[in-house]
Amino acid sequence: MHTWQLQDAKAHFSELVKLSESEGPQNITLHGRSAAVLLSRKAFDQLSGASQNFLQFMRTSPLYGADDLIIERDRSLTRDVEL
């Protein structure tokens, strides 16, 4: 991951965006400390899961296709509540 000082990142923002797409995340520092990371839209969507719809999400579950999965309802009585 390439590191940029904030003032350089501001001065070369379009280059920074292009590099985030071609080379991956770009680290931005402020006063010598990592302050932000610029990600490409594709990398962000992969991390956030935004590229999947609900059906795709369910199909990637480790439980997808598990025929031996048994889910039972808890039939114990509810607790008493004073109203």
N, C-alpha and C. Protein backbone atom coordinates (compact mmCIF):
# COMPACT_ATOMS: atom_id res chain seq x y z
N MET A 1 0.86 -1.17 0.00
CA MET A 1 0.00 0.00 0.00
C MET A 1 0.90 1.23 0.00
N HIS A 2 0.66 2.12 -0.91
CA HIS A 2 1.44 3.35 -1.02
C HIS A 2 0.93 4.37 0.01
N THR A 3 1.85 5.09 0.62
CA THR A 3 1.49 6.08 1.63
C THR A 3 1.70 7.50 1.08
N TRP A 4 0.71 8.35 1.33
CA TRP A 4 0.74 9.74 0.88
C TRP A 4 0.57 10.66 2.09
N GLN A 5 1.33 11.74 2.11
CA GLN A 5 1.06 12.79 3.09
C GLN A 5 -0.18 13.54 2.60
N LEU A 6 -0.94 14.08 3.52
CA LEU A 6 -2.21 14.71 3.17
C LEU A 6 -2.05 15.80 2.11
N GLN A 7 -1.06 16.66 2.28
CA GLN A 7 -0.90 17.74 1.30
C GLN A 7 -0.56 17.20 -0.09
N ASP A 8 0.19 16.10 -0.18
CA ASP A 8 0.48 15.48 -1.48
C ASP A 8 -0.77 14.81 -2.05
N ALA A 9 -1.55 14.20 -1.19
CA ALA A 9 -2.78 13.55 -1.64
C ALA A 9 -3.74 14.58 -2.23
N LYS A 10 -3.85 15.75 -1.58
CA LYS A 10 -4.72 16.80 -2.11
C LYS A 10 -4.21 17.31 -3.45
N ALA A 11 -2.90 17.48 -3.55
CA ALA A 11 -2.32 18.03 -4.78
C ALA A 11 -2.40 17.05 -5.95
N HIS A 12 -2.41 15.76 -5.67
CA HIS A 12 -2.40 14.74 -6.72
C HIS A 12 -3.61 13.82 -6.61
N PHE A 13 -4.76 14.40 -6.31
CA PHE A 13 -5.94 13.59 -6.02
C PHE A 13 -6.35 12.69 -7.18
N SER A 14 -6.35 13.20 -8.40
CA SER A 14 -6.76 12.37 -9.53
C SER A 14 -5.80 11.19 -9.72
N GLU A 15 -4.52 11.41 -9.51
CA GLU A 15 -3.54 10.32 -9.58
C GLU A 15 -3.81 9.30 -8.47
N LEU A 16 -4.13 9.81 -7.29
CA LEU A 16 -4.43 8.96 -6.14
C LEU A 16 -5.63 8.05 -6.43
N VAL A 17 -6.66 8.60 -7.03
CA VAL A 17 -7.85 7.81 -7.38
C VAL A 17 -7.50 6.74 -8.41
N LYS A 18 -6.74 7.11 -9.43
CA LYS A 18 -6.35 6.13 -10.46
C LYS A 18 -5.50 5.02 -9.87
N LEU A 19 -4.58 5.36 -8.96
CA LEU A 19 -3.75 4.34 -8.33
C LEU A 19 -4.56 3.42 -7.43
N SER A 20 -5.60 3.95 -6.79
CA SER A 20 -6.44 3.10 -5.95
C SER A 20 -7.15 2.04 -6.80
N GLU A 21 -7.46 2.38 -8.04
CA GLU A 21 -8.10 1.42 -8.94
C GLU A 21 -7.11 0.41 -9.50
N SER A 22 -5.90 0.86 -9.83
CA SER A 22 -4.95 -0.03 -10.49
C SER A 22 -4.03 -0.78 -9.52
N GLU A 23 -3.66 -0.16 -8.39
CA GLU A 23 -2.69 -0.78 -7.49
C GLU A 23 -3.26 -1.17 -6.13
N GLY A 24 -4.45 -0.69 -5.83
CA GLY A 24 -5.06 -1.05 -4.56
C GLY A 24 -5.14 0.14 -3.61
N PRO A 25 -5.47 -0.12 -2.35
CA PRO A 25 -5.69 0.95 -1.37
C PRO A 25 -4.49 1.89 -1.23
N GLN A 26 -4.79 3.17 -0.98
CA GLN A 26 -3.77 4.20 -0.81
C GLN A 26 -3.92 4.79 0.59
N ASN A 27 -2.83 4.75 1.35
CA ASN A 27 -2.83 5.24 2.72
C ASN A 27 -2.54 6.74 2.73
N ILE A 28 -3.29 7.50 3.52
CA ILE A 28 -3.09 8.95 3.64
C ILE A 28 -2.76 9.25 5.09
N THR A 29 -1.65 9.97 5.30
CA THR A 29 -1.21 10.28 6.66
C THR A 29 -1.42 11.75 6.98
N LEU A 30 -1.60 12.01 8.27
CA LEU A 30 -1.75 13.36 8.78
C LEU A 30 -0.84 13.47 9.99
N HIS A 31 0.12 14.36 9.93
CA HIS A 31 1.12 14.53 10.99
C HIS A 31 1.84 13.22 11.30
N GLY A 32 2.13 12.45 10.26
CA GLY A 32 2.89 11.22 10.41
C GLY A 32 2.09 10.01 10.85
N ARG A 33 0.80 10.17 11.09
CA ARG A 33 -0.05 9.05 11.50
C ARG A 33 -1.03 8.71 10.38
N SER A 34 -1.31 7.44 10.22
CA SER A 34 -2.28 7.02 9.22
C SER A 34 -3.65 7.59 9.60
N ALA A 35 -4.26 8.33 8.67
CA ALA A 35 -5.52 9.00 8.96
C ALA A 35 -6.67 8.47 8.10
N ALA A 36 -6.36 7.99 6.91
CA ALA A 36 -7.42 7.54 6.00
C ALA A 36 -6.83 6.59 4.97
N VAL A 37 -7.73 5.82 4.36
CA VAL A 37 -7.34 4.93 3.27
C VAL A 37 -8.33 5.15 2.14
N LEU A 38 -7.81 5.36 0.95
CA LEU A 38 -8.65 5.52 -0.24
C LEU A 38 -8.75 4.18 -0.94
N LEU A 39 -9.99 3.70 -1.13
CA LEU A 39 -10.25 2.43 -1.81
C LEU A 39 -10.95 2.69 -3.13
N SER A 40 -10.76 1.80 -4.07
CA SER A 40 -11.54 1.87 -5.30
C SER A 40 -12.97 1.45 -4.97
N ARG A 41 -13.91 1.80 -5.81
CA ARG A 41 -15.31 1.42 -5.60
C ARG A 41 -15.44 -0.10 -5.58
N LYS A 42 -14.71 -0.78 -6.47
CA LYS A 42 -14.78 -2.24 -6.53
C LYS A 42 -14.32 -2.86 -5.20
N ALA A 43 -13.21 -2.38 -4.64
CA ALA A 43 -12.72 -2.90 -3.37
C ALA A 43 -13.69 -2.61 -2.25
N PHE A 44 -14.28 -1.43 -2.25
CA PHE A 44 -15.25 -1.08 -1.21
C PHE A 44 -16.48 -1.98 -1.28
N ASP A 45 -16.99 -2.20 -2.49
CA ASP A 45 -18.16 -3.06 -2.65
C ASP A 45 -17.88 -4.49 -2.19
N GLN A 46 -16.67 -4.99 -2.46
CA GLN A 46 -16.32 -6.33 -2.01
C GLN A 46 -16.26 -6.39 -0.48
N LEU A 47 -15.69 -5.38 0.14
CA LEU A 47 -15.58 -5.37 1.60
C LEU A 47 -16.92 -5.20 2.28
N SER A 48 -17.78 -4.38 1.70
CA SER A 48 -19.06 -4.09 2.34
C SER A 48 -20.15 -5.09 1.96
N GLY A 49 -19.89 -5.91 0.96
CA GLY A 49 -20.91 -6.87 0.53
C GLY A 49 -22.00 -6.23 -0.29
N ALA A 50 -21.80 -5.00 -0.71
CA ALA A 50 -22.83 -4.28 -1.46
C ALA A 50 -23.03 -4.83 -2.86
N SER A 51 -22.09 -5.61 -3.35
CA SER A 51 -22.21 -6.12 -4.71
C SER A 51 -23.12 -7.34 -4.80
N GLN A 52 -23.53 -7.87 -3.65
CA GLN A 52 -24.40 -9.04 -3.65
C GLN A 52 -25.83 -8.64 -3.29
N ASN A 53 -26.79 -9.29 -3.93
CA ASN A 53 -28.15 -9.12 -3.46
C ASN A 53 -28.40 -10.16 -2.38
N PHE A 54 -29.57 -10.16 -1.79
CA PHE A 54 -29.85 -11.03 -0.66
C PHE A 54 -29.76 -12.51 -1.05
N LEU A 55 -30.25 -12.85 -2.23
CA LEU A 55 -30.21 -14.24 -2.67
C LEU A 55 -28.77 -14.72 -2.82
N GLN A 56 -27.91 -13.90 -3.42
CA GLN A 56 -26.50 -14.27 -3.56
C GLN A 56 -25.84 -14.42 -2.20
N PHE A 57 -26.18 -13.53 -1.28
CA PHE A 57 -25.64 -13.60 0.07
C PHE A 57 -26.02 -14.92 0.73
N MET A 58 -27.29 -15.32 0.63
CA MET A 58 -27.75 -16.56 1.24
C MET A 58 -27.09 -17.78 0.59
N ARG A 59 -26.87 -17.73 -0.71
CA ARG A 59 -26.25 -18.86 -1.40
C ARG A 59 -24.77 -19.02 -1.06
N THR A 60 -24.14 -17.98 -0.57
CA THR A 60 -22.73 -18.10 -0.17
C THR A 60 -22.59 -18.51 1.29
N SER A 61 -23.71 -18.72 1.96
CA SER A 61 -23.68 -19.14 3.36
C SER A 61 -23.08 -20.55 3.46
N PRO A 62 -22.31 -20.82 4.50
CA PRO A 62 -21.80 -22.19 4.68
C PRO A 62 -22.91 -23.21 4.92
N LEU A 63 -24.10 -22.73 5.27
CA LEU A 63 -25.22 -23.63 5.52
C LEU A 63 -26.07 -23.89 4.27
N TYR A 64 -25.73 -23.23 3.17
CA TYR A 64 -26.51 -23.40 1.94
C TYR A 64 -26.43 -24.85 1.47
N GLY A 65 -27.58 -25.45 1.25
CA GLY A 65 -27.63 -26.82 0.77
C GLY A 65 -27.50 -27.87 1.86
N ALA A 66 -27.43 -27.46 3.11
CA ALA A 66 -27.32 -28.41 4.21
C ALA A 66 -28.70 -28.99 4.50
N ASP A 67 -28.91 -30.21 4.05
CA ASP A 67 -30.22 -30.85 4.24
C ASP A 67 -30.40 -31.38 5.66
N ASP A 68 -29.32 -31.57 6.38
CA ASP A 68 -29.41 -32.14 7.71
C ASP A 68 -29.55 -31.08 8.80
N LEU A 69 -29.78 -29.84 8.42
CA LEU A 69 -29.91 -28.74 9.37
C LEU A 69 -31.30 -28.79 10.01
N ILE A 70 -31.34 -28.87 11.33
CA ILE A 70 -32.60 -28.91 12.06
C ILE A 70 -32.67 -27.69 12.96
N ILE A 71 -33.68 -26.89 12.77
CA ILE A 71 -33.89 -25.70 13.60
C ILE A 71 -35.16 -25.93 14.39
N GLU A 72 -35.02 -25.95 15.71
CA GLU A 72 -36.17 -26.20 16.56
C GLU A 72 -36.53 -24.94 17.33
N ARG A 73 -37.81 -24.77 17.52
CA ARG A 73 -38.31 -23.63 18.28
C ARG A 73 -38.23 -23.95 19.76
N ASP A 74 -37.85 -22.95 20.54
CA ASP A 74 -37.81 -23.10 21.99
C ASP A 74 -39.25 -23.06 22.50
N ARG A 75 -39.73 -24.15 23.04
CA ARG A 75 -41.12 -24.25 23.47
C ARG A 75 -41.29 -24.02 24.96
N SER A 76 -40.25 -23.53 25.63
CA SER A 76 -40.37 -23.26 27.07
C SER A 76 -41.35 -22.11 27.30
N LEU A 77 -41.93 -22.10 28.48
CA LEU A 77 -42.92 -21.08 28.80
C LEU A 77 -42.26 -19.72 28.93
N THR A 78 -43.04 -18.70 28.66
CA THR A 78 -42.50 -17.35 28.80
C THR A 78 -42.45 -16.95 30.26
N ARG A 79 -41.73 -15.92 30.57
CA ARG A 79 -41.65 -15.49 31.96
C ARG A 79 -42.87 -14.66 32.32
N ASP A 80 -43.19 -14.63 33.61
CA ASP A 80 -44.32 -13.84 34.08
C ASP A 80 -43.94 -12.36 34.10
N VAL A 81 -44.87 -11.55 33.68
CA VAL A 81 -44.66 -10.11 33.66
C VAL A 81 -45.79 -9.44 34.40
N GLU A 82 -45.43 -8.54 35.32
CA GLU A 82 -46.46 -7.80 36.03
C GLU A 82 -46.78 -6.53 35.26
N LEU A 83 -48.06 -6.30 35.05
CA LEU A 83 -48.48 -5.10 34.32
C LEU A 83 -49.14 -4.11 35.25
